[in-house]
N, C-alpha and C. Protein backbone atom coordinates (compact mmCIF):
# COMPACT_ATOMS: atom_id res chain seq x y z
N UNK A 1 29.59 2.41 -15.41
CA UNK A 1 30.22 2.83 -14.08
C UNK A 1 29.50 2.00 -12.99
N UNK A 2 30.25 1.75 -12.01
CA UNK A 2 29.62 0.98 -10.92
C UNK A 2 29.80 1.76 -9.50
N UNK A 3 28.86 1.41 -8.65
CA UNK A 3 28.97 1.92 -7.15
C UNK A 3 28.63 0.78 -6.38
N UNK A 4 29.31 0.31 -5.39
CA UNK A 4 29.00 -0.87 -4.57
C UNK A 4 28.71 -0.40 -3.19
N UNK A 5 27.54 -0.87 -2.65
CA UNK A 5 26.98 -0.58 -1.30
C UNK A 5 26.74 -1.88 -0.55
N UNK A 6 27.17 -1.82 0.67
CA UNK A 6 26.89 -3.03 1.54
C UNK A 6 25.58 -2.80 2.26
N UNK A 7 24.59 -3.65 2.20
CA UNK A 7 23.44 -3.65 3.01
C UNK A 7 23.50 -4.76 4.10
N UNK A 8 23.38 -4.47 5.33
CA UNK A 8 23.49 -5.43 6.36
C UNK A 8 22.35 -6.11 6.78
N UNK A 9 21.13 -5.60 6.44
CA UNK A 9 19.80 -6.26 6.94
C UNK A 9 18.77 -5.87 5.81
N UNK A 10 17.67 -6.44 6.03
CA UNK A 10 16.51 -6.09 5.14
C UNK A 10 16.08 -4.59 5.41
N UNK A 11 16.05 -4.22 6.61
CA UNK A 11 15.71 -2.78 6.79
C UNK A 11 16.79 -1.84 6.17
N UNK A 12 17.90 -2.29 6.10
CA UNK A 12 18.97 -1.46 5.42
C UNK A 12 18.68 -1.44 3.94
N UNK A 13 18.31 -2.51 3.36
CA UNK A 13 18.01 -2.61 1.86
C UNK A 13 16.77 -1.75 1.60
N UNK A 14 15.79 -1.80 2.47
CA UNK A 14 14.64 -0.87 2.34
C UNK A 14 14.98 0.49 2.44
N UNK A 15 15.73 0.92 3.34
CA UNK A 15 16.17 2.31 3.52
C UNK A 15 16.95 2.65 2.31
N UNK A 16 17.84 1.94 1.63
CA UNK A 16 18.47 2.22 0.38
C UNK A 16 17.51 2.53 -0.63
N UNK A 17 16.43 1.67 -0.75
CA UNK A 17 15.49 1.94 -1.77
C UNK A 17 14.64 3.19 -1.44
N UNK A 18 14.37 3.57 -0.22
CA UNK A 18 13.71 4.73 0.14
C UNK A 18 14.45 5.87 -0.22
N UNK A 19 15.78 5.94 0.06
CA UNK A 19 16.49 7.03 -0.33
C UNK A 19 16.62 7.21 -1.80
N UNK A 20 16.74 6.19 -2.61
CA UNK A 20 16.73 6.35 -4.00
C UNK A 20 15.40 6.85 -4.38
N UNK A 21 14.32 6.38 -3.83
CA UNK A 21 13.00 6.79 -4.26
C UNK A 21 12.78 8.33 -3.97
N UNK A 22 13.38 8.83 -2.80
CA UNK A 22 13.26 10.21 -2.56
C UNK A 22 14.03 11.18 -3.62
N UNK A 23 14.95 10.56 -4.22
CA UNK A 23 15.86 11.32 -5.20
C UNK A 23 15.49 11.15 -6.64
N UNK A 24 14.82 10.10 -6.91
CA UNK A 24 14.54 9.74 -8.30
C UNK A 24 13.48 10.66 -9.03
N UNK A 25 13.73 10.88 -10.26
CA UNK A 25 12.74 11.74 -11.00
C UNK A 25 12.42 10.91 -12.32
N UNK A 26 11.02 10.87 -12.51
CA UNK A 26 10.49 10.03 -13.70
C UNK A 26 10.84 10.83 -14.91
N UNK A 27 10.92 10.34 -16.08
CA UNK A 27 10.88 8.86 -16.29
C UNK A 27 12.24 8.35 -15.85
N UNK A 28 12.19 6.96 -15.33
CA UNK A 28 13.36 6.30 -14.91
C UNK A 28 13.08 4.78 -15.04
N UNK A 29 14.14 4.13 -15.48
CA UNK A 29 14.06 2.68 -15.68
C UNK A 29 15.09 2.01 -14.67
N UNK A 30 14.69 1.07 -13.92
CA UNK A 30 15.53 0.32 -12.89
C UNK A 30 15.36 -1.14 -13.25
N UNK A 31 16.40 -1.67 -13.52
CA UNK A 31 16.55 -3.25 -13.55
C UNK A 31 17.05 -3.80 -12.34
N UNK A 32 16.30 -4.73 -11.62
CA UNK A 32 16.84 -5.36 -10.50
C UNK A 32 17.17 -6.79 -10.81
N UNK A 33 18.36 -7.21 -10.28
CA UNK A 33 18.91 -8.46 -10.55
C UNK A 33 19.34 -9.20 -9.38
N UNK A 34 18.83 -10.33 -9.10
CA UNK A 34 19.36 -11.23 -7.88
C UNK A 34 18.81 -12.64 -8.13
N UNK A 35 19.21 -13.52 -7.33
CA UNK A 35 18.55 -14.82 -7.20
C UNK A 35 17.27 -14.63 -6.45
N UNK A 36 16.46 -15.76 -6.47
CA UNK A 36 15.26 -15.72 -5.67
C UNK A 36 15.61 -15.37 -4.15
N UNK A 37 14.76 -14.50 -3.67
CA UNK A 37 14.95 -14.05 -2.31
C UNK A 37 16.10 -13.22 -2.10
N UNK A 38 16.64 -12.52 -3.10
CA UNK A 38 17.74 -11.74 -3.02
C UNK A 38 17.59 -10.31 -2.57
N UNK A 39 16.26 -9.82 -2.38
CA UNK A 39 16.21 -8.54 -1.78
C UNK A 39 15.43 -7.59 -2.79
N UNK A 40 15.10 -8.01 -3.99
CA UNK A 40 14.39 -7.18 -4.91
C UNK A 40 13.15 -6.49 -4.34
N UNK A 41 12.21 -7.29 -3.96
CA UNK A 41 10.93 -6.72 -3.41
C UNK A 41 11.14 -5.97 -2.19
N UNK A 42 12.04 -6.39 -1.23
CA UNK A 42 12.35 -5.51 -0.11
C UNK A 42 12.81 -4.12 -0.51
N UNK A 43 13.70 -4.11 -1.64
CA UNK A 43 14.16 -2.80 -2.07
C UNK A 43 13.03 -1.95 -2.64
N UNK A 44 12.09 -2.56 -3.38
CA UNK A 44 11.06 -1.96 -3.95
C UNK A 44 10.07 -1.32 -2.88
N UNK A 45 9.96 -2.09 -1.65
CA UNK A 45 9.15 -1.40 -0.62
C UNK A 45 9.67 -0.12 -0.16
N UNK A 46 10.95 -0.05 -0.15
CA UNK A 46 11.55 1.24 0.32
C UNK A 46 11.50 2.23 -0.82
N UNK A 47 11.69 1.84 -2.11
CA UNK A 47 11.58 2.72 -3.10
C UNK A 47 10.19 3.31 -3.32
N UNK A 48 9.20 2.57 -3.13
CA UNK A 48 7.76 3.16 -3.15
C UNK A 48 7.51 4.10 -1.94
N UNK A 49 7.97 3.74 -0.75
CA UNK A 49 7.93 4.75 0.34
C UNK A 49 8.60 6.02 0.03
N UNK A 50 9.76 5.86 -0.60
CA UNK A 50 10.58 7.01 -0.92
C UNK A 50 9.79 8.05 -1.90
N UNK A 51 8.98 7.41 -2.83
CA UNK A 51 8.17 8.41 -3.70
C UNK A 51 6.95 8.80 -3.12
N UNK A 52 6.71 8.46 -1.84
CA UNK A 52 5.51 8.89 -1.16
C UNK A 52 4.29 8.01 -1.26
N UNK A 53 4.49 6.77 -1.66
CA UNK A 53 3.37 5.80 -1.82
C UNK A 53 3.06 5.13 -0.48
N UNK A 54 1.77 5.02 -0.17
CA UNK A 54 1.21 4.38 0.93
C UNK A 54 0.84 2.90 0.58
N UNK A 55 0.99 2.56 -0.75
CA UNK A 55 0.54 1.26 -1.23
C UNK A 55 1.45 0.10 -0.51
N UNK A 56 0.73 -1.04 -0.46
CA UNK A 56 1.41 -2.24 0.14
C UNK A 56 2.05 -2.86 -1.07
N UNK A 57 3.34 -3.05 -0.89
CA UNK A 57 4.21 -3.70 -1.92
C UNK A 57 4.35 -5.33 -1.73
N UNK A 58 4.07 -6.03 -2.84
CA UNK A 58 4.36 -7.44 -2.75
C UNK A 58 4.95 -7.82 -4.10
N UNK A 59 5.58 -8.95 -4.21
CA UNK A 59 6.31 -9.32 -5.37
C UNK A 59 5.17 -9.59 -6.61
N UNK A 60 5.31 -9.07 -7.81
CA UNK A 60 4.52 -9.33 -8.83
C UNK A 60 4.74 -10.59 -9.56
N UNK A 61 5.37 -11.58 -8.93
CA UNK A 61 5.70 -12.83 -9.61
C UNK A 61 4.48 -13.41 -10.26
N UNK A 62 3.32 -13.49 -9.56
CA UNK A 62 2.14 -14.11 -10.11
C UNK A 62 1.30 -13.23 -10.83
N UNK A 63 1.24 -11.95 -10.58
CA UNK A 63 0.41 -10.98 -11.51
C UNK A 63 1.26 -10.42 -12.46
N UNK A 64 2.50 -10.60 -12.57
CA UNK A 64 3.29 -9.98 -13.67
C UNK A 64 3.75 -8.56 -13.47
N UNK A 65 2.83 -7.72 -13.09
CA UNK A 65 3.09 -6.35 -12.84
C UNK A 65 2.09 -5.69 -11.87
N UNK A 66 2.59 -4.81 -11.16
CA UNK A 66 1.92 -4.01 -10.26
C UNK A 66 2.11 -2.51 -10.41
N UNK A 67 1.27 -1.71 -9.98
CA UNK A 67 1.38 -0.23 -10.02
C UNK A 67 1.34 0.36 -8.61
N UNK A 68 2.25 1.28 -8.29
CA UNK A 68 2.17 1.91 -7.01
C UNK A 68 2.11 3.35 -7.20
N UNK A 69 1.24 4.08 -6.60
CA UNK A 69 1.06 5.46 -6.87
C UNK A 69 1.72 6.34 -5.68
N UNK A 70 2.55 7.21 -6.02
CA UNK A 70 3.33 8.08 -5.17
C UNK A 70 2.94 9.57 -5.49
N UNK A 71 3.74 10.47 -4.91
CA UNK A 71 3.50 11.89 -5.22
C UNK A 71 3.99 12.17 -6.59
N UNK A 72 3.08 12.54 -7.52
CA UNK A 72 3.38 12.93 -8.85
C UNK A 72 4.18 11.85 -9.62
N UNK A 73 4.10 10.62 -9.21
CA UNK A 73 4.85 9.64 -9.92
C UNK A 73 4.08 8.15 -9.70
N UNK A 74 4.32 7.37 -10.58
CA UNK A 74 3.86 6.02 -10.50
C UNK A 74 5.11 5.13 -10.60
N UNK A 75 4.96 3.98 -9.91
CA UNK A 75 6.08 2.91 -9.93
C UNK A 75 5.37 1.82 -10.67
N UNK A 76 5.85 1.38 -11.88
CA UNK A 76 5.35 0.16 -12.55
C UNK A 76 6.39 -0.96 -12.38
N UNK A 77 5.93 -1.89 -11.62
CA UNK A 77 6.86 -2.95 -11.18
C UNK A 77 6.53 -4.23 -11.86
N UNK A 78 7.41 -4.68 -12.76
CA UNK A 78 7.25 -5.90 -13.58
C UNK A 78 8.23 -7.03 -13.22
N UNK A 79 7.56 -8.20 -13.32
CA UNK A 79 8.36 -9.40 -12.93
C UNK A 79 8.13 -10.43 -14.00
N UNK A 80 9.23 -10.83 -14.75
CA UNK A 80 9.15 -11.77 -15.82
C UNK A 80 9.54 -13.14 -15.45
N UNK A 81 9.76 -13.35 -14.25
CA UNK A 81 10.23 -14.76 -13.77
C UNK A 81 9.52 -15.94 -14.24
N UNK A 82 8.20 -15.92 -14.33
CA UNK A 82 7.35 -17.09 -14.67
C UNK A 82 7.15 -17.14 -16.16
N UNK A 83 7.61 -16.24 -17.00
CA UNK A 83 7.29 -16.23 -18.30
C UNK A 83 8.41 -16.86 -19.09
N UNK A 84 8.10 -17.55 -20.25
CA UNK A 84 8.98 -18.04 -21.27
C UNK A 84 9.17 -17.09 -22.36
N UNK A 85 8.09 -16.32 -22.64
CA UNK A 85 7.99 -15.26 -23.64
C UNK A 85 7.23 -14.07 -23.01
N UNK A 86 7.64 -12.88 -23.37
CA UNK A 86 7.10 -11.75 -22.72
C UNK A 86 5.68 -11.48 -23.06
N UNK A 87 5.11 -11.92 -24.27
CA UNK A 87 3.74 -11.75 -24.69
C UNK A 87 3.19 -10.35 -24.46
N UNK A 88 1.97 -10.23 -24.11
CA UNK A 88 1.39 -8.92 -23.95
C UNK A 88 2.01 -8.00 -22.87
N UNK A 89 2.65 -8.74 -21.89
CA UNK A 89 3.19 -7.89 -20.74
C UNK A 89 4.36 -7.02 -21.38
N UNK A 90 4.97 -7.54 -22.55
CA UNK A 90 5.95 -6.67 -23.20
C UNK A 90 5.35 -5.41 -23.75
N UNK A 91 4.07 -5.43 -24.13
CA UNK A 91 3.46 -4.27 -24.68
C UNK A 91 3.23 -3.27 -23.57
N UNK A 92 2.81 -3.83 -22.39
CA UNK A 92 2.63 -2.99 -21.18
C UNK A 92 3.89 -2.39 -20.74
N UNK A 93 5.03 -3.13 -20.78
CA UNK A 93 6.29 -2.63 -20.45
C UNK A 93 6.63 -1.49 -21.43
N UNK A 94 6.43 -1.62 -22.63
CA UNK A 94 6.73 -0.62 -23.64
C UNK A 94 5.94 0.65 -23.37
N UNK A 95 4.71 0.56 -22.94
CA UNK A 95 3.93 1.75 -22.66
C UNK A 95 4.42 2.40 -21.40
N UNK A 96 4.90 1.68 -20.28
CA UNK A 96 5.43 2.22 -19.13
C UNK A 96 6.82 2.98 -19.51
N UNK A 97 7.60 2.30 -20.21
CA UNK A 97 8.89 2.85 -20.67
C UNK A 97 8.87 4.31 -21.35
N UNK A 98 7.63 4.48 -22.04
CA UNK A 98 7.53 5.78 -22.69
C UNK A 98 6.62 6.73 -22.00
N UNK A 99 6.27 6.42 -20.71
CA UNK A 99 5.36 7.42 -19.96
C UNK A 99 6.27 8.25 -19.13
N UNK A 100 6.33 9.56 -19.31
CA UNK A 100 7.10 10.51 -18.67
C UNK A 100 6.93 10.70 -17.14
N UNK A 101 5.82 10.12 -16.60
CA UNK A 101 5.67 10.22 -15.18
C UNK A 101 5.76 8.98 -14.43
N UNK A 102 6.51 8.01 -15.09
CA UNK A 102 6.59 6.56 -14.47
C UNK A 102 8.06 6.21 -14.21
N UNK A 103 8.24 5.62 -13.10
CA UNK A 103 9.49 4.90 -12.78
C UNK A 103 9.16 3.42 -13.07
N UNK A 104 9.81 2.73 -13.98
CA UNK A 104 9.64 1.46 -14.26
C UNK A 104 10.77 0.62 -13.74
N UNK A 105 10.25 -0.49 -12.93
CA UNK A 105 11.18 -1.41 -12.29
C UNK A 105 10.97 -2.75 -12.88
N UNK A 106 12.02 -3.37 -13.27
CA UNK A 106 11.90 -4.72 -14.08
C UNK A 106 12.69 -5.70 -13.22
N UNK A 107 12.20 -6.90 -13.03
CA UNK A 107 12.81 -8.03 -12.42
C UNK A 107 12.92 -9.16 -13.40
N UNK A 108 13.88 -9.98 -13.48
CA UNK A 108 14.06 -11.12 -14.26
C UNK A 108 13.81 -10.63 -15.78
N UNK A 109 14.74 -9.84 -16.21
CA UNK A 109 14.59 -9.09 -17.44
C UNK A 109 15.10 -9.74 -18.66
N UNK A 110 15.61 -10.87 -18.54
CA UNK A 110 16.32 -11.63 -19.71
C UNK A 110 15.53 -11.66 -20.97
N UNK A 111 14.15 -11.77 -20.86
CA UNK A 111 13.35 -11.89 -22.09
C UNK A 111 12.95 -10.64 -22.57
N UNK A 112 13.18 -9.45 -21.90
CA UNK A 112 12.92 -8.23 -22.45
C UNK A 112 14.15 -7.32 -22.59
N UNK A 113 15.30 -7.82 -22.59
CA UNK A 113 16.54 -7.01 -22.66
C UNK A 113 16.46 -6.20 -23.86
N UNK A 114 15.94 -6.69 -25.06
CA UNK A 114 15.91 -5.88 -26.27
C UNK A 114 14.88 -4.81 -26.24
N UNK A 115 14.04 -4.75 -25.22
CA UNK A 115 13.07 -3.61 -25.07
C UNK A 115 13.63 -2.57 -24.14
N UNK A 116 14.52 -2.87 -23.26
CA UNK A 116 14.97 -1.96 -22.21
C UNK A 116 16.01 -1.03 -22.89
N UNK A 117 15.89 0.25 -22.50
CA UNK A 117 16.94 1.28 -23.13
C UNK A 117 18.19 1.06 -22.39
N UNK A 118 19.24 1.49 -23.12
CA UNK A 118 20.68 1.43 -22.54
C UNK A 118 20.73 2.40 -21.34
N UNK A 119 20.04 3.50 -21.35
CA UNK A 119 20.02 4.55 -20.34
C UNK A 119 19.17 4.15 -19.15
N UNK A 120 19.62 3.13 -18.36
CA UNK A 120 18.98 2.66 -17.26
C UNK A 120 19.80 2.36 -16.09
N UNK A 121 19.21 2.28 -14.97
CA UNK A 121 19.91 1.94 -13.66
C UNK A 121 19.86 0.42 -13.42
N UNK A 122 20.96 -0.34 -13.28
CA UNK A 122 20.88 -1.80 -12.97
C UNK A 122 21.30 -1.98 -11.58
N UNK A 123 20.58 -2.64 -10.67
CA UNK A 123 20.93 -2.85 -9.33
C UNK A 123 21.05 -4.30 -9.09
N UNK A 124 22.19 -4.79 -8.79
CA UNK A 124 22.40 -6.24 -8.59
C UNK A 124 22.50 -6.41 -6.92
N UNK A 125 21.79 -7.52 -6.46
CA UNK A 125 21.91 -7.80 -5.06
C UNK A 125 22.58 -9.30 -5.02
N UNK A 126 23.63 -9.27 -4.25
CA UNK A 126 24.39 -10.54 -4.07
C UNK A 126 24.31 -10.83 -2.55
N UNK A 127 23.90 -12.13 -2.24
CA UNK A 127 23.89 -12.44 -0.83
C UNK A 127 25.26 -12.68 -0.29
N UNK A 128 25.50 -12.38 1.00
CA UNK A 128 26.67 -12.66 1.62
C UNK A 128 26.66 -13.93 2.41
N UNK A 129 27.51 -14.88 2.21
CA UNK A 129 27.36 -16.24 2.78
C UNK A 129 27.38 -16.27 4.32
N UNK A 130 28.06 -15.53 4.89
CA UNK A 130 28.16 -15.44 6.35
C UNK A 130 26.89 -14.81 7.12
N UNK A 131 26.06 -14.15 6.36
CA UNK A 131 24.91 -13.48 6.98
C UNK A 131 23.68 -13.46 6.02
N UNK A 132 22.71 -14.22 6.26
CA UNK A 132 21.46 -14.42 5.26
C UNK A 132 20.84 -13.12 4.89
N UNK A 133 20.99 -12.13 5.84
CA UNK A 133 20.32 -10.79 5.47
C UNK A 133 21.22 -9.83 4.74
N UNK A 134 22.52 -10.03 4.81
CA UNK A 134 23.44 -9.16 4.25
C UNK A 134 23.63 -9.24 2.73
N UNK A 135 23.63 -8.10 2.00
CA UNK A 135 23.77 -8.09 0.60
C UNK A 135 24.90 -7.12 0.12
N UNK A 136 25.53 -7.49 -1.01
CA UNK A 136 26.45 -6.57 -1.74
C UNK A 136 25.40 -6.00 -2.80
N UNK A 137 25.25 -4.74 -2.76
CA UNK A 137 24.46 -4.12 -3.76
C UNK A 137 25.26 -3.37 -4.74
N UNK A 138 25.21 -3.74 -6.03
CA UNK A 138 26.01 -3.01 -6.99
C UNK A 138 25.16 -2.26 -7.94
N UNK A 139 25.37 -0.89 -8.06
CA UNK A 139 24.60 -0.10 -8.91
C UNK A 139 25.44 0.06 -10.20
N UNK A 140 24.88 -0.28 -11.30
CA UNK A 140 25.58 -0.13 -12.67
C UNK A 140 24.79 0.91 -13.42
N UNK A 141 25.36 1.87 -13.88
CA UNK A 141 24.71 3.04 -14.55
C UNK A 141 25.62 3.70 -15.55
N UNK A 142 24.87 4.38 -16.52
CA UNK A 142 25.55 5.16 -17.44
C UNK A 142 26.04 6.58 -16.88
N UNK A 143 26.81 7.24 -17.62
CA UNK A 143 27.34 8.59 -17.20
C UNK A 143 26.20 9.52 -16.92
N UNK A 144 25.08 9.47 -17.58
CA UNK A 144 23.98 10.35 -17.33
C UNK A 144 23.35 10.24 -15.96
N UNK A 145 23.61 8.99 -15.20
CA UNK A 145 23.04 8.76 -13.85
C UNK A 145 24.02 9.14 -12.77
N UNK A 146 25.20 9.66 -13.09
CA UNK A 146 26.16 10.05 -12.10
C UNK A 146 25.49 11.04 -11.05
N UNK A 147 24.87 12.10 -11.34
CA UNK A 147 24.31 13.04 -10.34
C UNK A 147 23.38 12.31 -9.39
N UNK A 148 22.57 11.33 -9.96
CA UNK A 148 21.61 10.53 -9.10
C UNK A 148 22.42 9.61 -8.03
N UNK A 149 23.41 9.05 -8.59
CA UNK A 149 24.14 8.01 -7.71
C UNK A 149 24.97 8.82 -6.70
N UNK A 150 25.62 9.93 -7.11
CA UNK A 150 26.28 10.81 -6.14
C UNK A 150 25.34 11.39 -4.95
N UNK A 151 24.20 11.81 -5.45
CA UNK A 151 23.23 12.27 -4.48
C UNK A 151 22.84 11.21 -3.47
N UNK A 152 22.65 9.95 -3.99
CA UNK A 152 22.38 8.84 -3.06
C UNK A 152 23.56 8.59 -2.20
N UNK A 153 24.75 8.54 -2.76
CA UNK A 153 25.87 8.32 -1.86
C UNK A 153 26.01 9.32 -0.80
N UNK A 154 25.67 10.60 -1.10
CA UNK A 154 25.75 11.75 -0.05
C UNK A 154 24.85 11.41 0.95
N UNK A 155 23.60 11.01 0.63
CA UNK A 155 22.55 10.73 1.58
C UNK A 155 22.91 9.67 2.46
N UNK A 156 23.49 8.58 1.91
CA UNK A 156 23.95 7.40 2.65
C UNK A 156 24.90 7.93 3.71
N UNK A 157 25.90 8.63 3.30
CA UNK A 157 26.98 9.10 4.18
C UNK A 157 26.44 9.81 5.25
N UNK A 158 25.35 10.60 5.16
CA UNK A 158 24.86 11.42 6.25
C UNK A 158 24.23 10.36 7.35
N UNK A 159 23.71 9.30 6.90
CA UNK A 159 23.14 8.32 7.82
C UNK A 159 24.15 7.34 8.51
N UNK A 160 25.18 7.04 7.65
CA UNK A 160 26.26 6.08 8.12
C UNK A 160 27.48 6.80 8.33
N UNK A 161 27.99 7.05 9.52
CA UNK A 161 29.22 7.69 9.86
C UNK A 161 30.35 7.08 9.25
């Protein structure tokens, strides 16, 4: 199933992440897809704020993973962009996926697709040519995630007339 949302700015992308963070319940797996500079880290900044984290978010491209602590939840943020093989980070990912109090966020997931469960939320960010900050954000999700996506849609409708 798909739901498409238009984000008109980086602030809008962060707000989308924040709304999802306020609604999400661990354990949860989120796969983020986009080109470089597509809005993934911007979205995670909002997501962490939404779960009540005061941590400063930055891309884990060079550290491979980061952990952000929120209210009764941790976000484990993985980035496989620089890796040719997942190596030991794959083991860390496996631990994260099986932790009931963790929201696992994965970027550049091609080399770990076989590790990721089918029951996950996939969020794709596509740039809009006419505006460098605007994104088409597509949520791809299994039937089990319909209540989460509908709650997000309702929350967005309250903000955007």
